[in-house]
């Protein structure tokens, strides 16, 4: 599943996420230096209750470099992406 947050307020239809939300998130994350090298190019995301987006690395062994401290995105600063993700 693209956005895993069962206890949070953000949810998204899987098909809609893959076509709309995921490309928008990847576009923003790829602007960050060394993001693709550290986290991979086709990853999933978690969104916490406050709207912080945290990547889940797809490449084995990348979990040490692909951390919330190094890579995170606040949906409150990106209303265009936030509008793509439905609220419960």
Protein backbone atom coordinates (compact mmCIF):
# COMPACT_ATOMS: atom_id res chain seq x y z
CA UNK A 1 0.00 0.00 0.00
CA UNK A 2 1.32 3.44 -0.83
CA UNK A 3 0.27 5.44 2.19
CA UNK A 4 0.15 3.42 5.38
CA UNK A 5 -1.40 5.26 8.27
CA UNK A 6 -4.27 3.25 9.79
CA UNK A 7 -4.51 5.37 12.94
CA UNK A 8 -4.01 8.74 11.26
CA UNK A 9 -6.32 11.08 9.41
CA UNK A 10 -4.81 10.75 5.93
CA UNK A 11 -5.88 8.01 3.56
CA UNK A 12 -5.91 7.56 -0.17
CA UNK A 13 -7.38 5.13 -2.67
CA UNK A 14 -4.51 2.93 -3.83
CA UNK A 15 -5.13 3.48 -7.54
CA UNK A 16 -5.46 7.25 -7.07
CA UNK A 17 -2.30 7.31 -4.97
CA UNK A 18 -0.17 5.56 -7.56
CA UNK A 19 -1.41 7.79 -10.39
CA UNK A 20 -1.50 11.17 -8.62
CA UNK A 21 -0.14 11.42 -5.09
CA UNK A 22 2.96 9.24 -5.40
CA UNK A 23 4.39 11.05 -8.47
CA UNK A 24 3.83 14.42 -6.75
CA UNK A 25 5.56 13.22 -3.57
CA UNK A 26 8.45 11.70 -5.51
CA UNK A 27 8.90 14.94 -7.46
CA UNK A 28 9.30 16.92 -4.22
CA UNK A 29 11.52 14.35 -2.51
CA UNK A 30 13.81 14.05 -5.54
CA UNK A 31 14.62 17.76 -5.16
CA UNK A 32 16.45 16.80 -1.96
CA UNK A 33 20.15 16.05 -2.36
CA UNK A 34 21.01 12.31 -2.51
CA UNK A 35 17.38 11.25 -2.03
CA UNK A 36 17.27 8.63 -4.81
CA UNK A 37 20.68 7.26 -3.86
CA UNK A 38 19.69 6.97 -0.21
CA UNK A 39 16.07 5.83 -0.49
CA UNK A 40 15.58 4.36 -3.96
CA UNK A 41 13.41 5.54 -6.81
CA UNK A 42 10.15 3.66 -6.29
CA UNK A 43 9.29 3.74 -2.62
CA UNK A 44 6.30 3.93 -0.34
CA UNK A 45 5.45 6.69 2.11
CA UNK A 46 4.04 7.01 5.61
CA UNK A 47 2.16 10.11 6.70
CA UNK A 48 1.82 10.85 10.39
CA UNK A 49 -1.12 12.63 12.03
CA UNK A 50 0.56 16.02 11.75
CA UNK A 51 1.08 15.66 8.00
CA UNK A 52 4.77 14.73 7.96
CA UNK A 53 5.58 12.47 5.01
CA UNK A 54 8.35 9.94 5.64
CA UNK A 55 9.73 7.68 2.89
CA UNK A 56 10.06 3.91 3.26
CA UNK A 57 13.17 2.73 1.38
CA UNK A 58 12.78 0.01 -1.23
CA UNK A 59 16.43 -0.90 -1.57
CA UNK A 60 17.71 -3.30 1.05
CA UNK A 61 20.31 -1.68 3.26
CA UNK A 62 19.08 1.86 2.67
CA UNK A 63 17.18 2.15 5.93
CA UNK A 64 20.22 3.67 7.68
CA UNK A 65 20.43 6.57 5.21
CA UNK A 66 16.75 7.02 4.43
CA UNK A 67 15.55 8.37 7.77
CA UNK A 68 12.96 10.89 8.90
CA UNK A 69 15.82 13.10 10.08
CA UNK A 70 17.39 13.16 6.60
CA UNK A 71 14.26 13.12 4.44
CA UNK A 72 10.80 14.31 5.40
CA UNK A 73 8.19 16.58 3.89
CA UNK A 74 5.50 18.58 5.68
CA UNK A 75 2.19 18.39 3.81
CA UNK A 76 1.16 21.66 5.44
CA UNK A 77 3.83 23.36 3.31
CA UNK A 78 2.59 21.66 0.12
CA UNK A 79 -1.14 22.30 -0.23
CA UNK A 80 -1.10 21.06 -3.84
CA UNK A 81 0.03 17.60 -2.73
CA UNK A 82 -2.17 17.67 0.38
CA UNK A 83 -5.22 18.18 -1.84
CA UNK A 84 -4.38 14.94 -3.71
CA UNK A 85 -4.61 12.93 -0.50
CA UNK A 86 -8.11 12.52 0.91
CA UNK A 87 -8.88 13.02 4.57
CA UNK A 88 -10.88 10.55 6.61
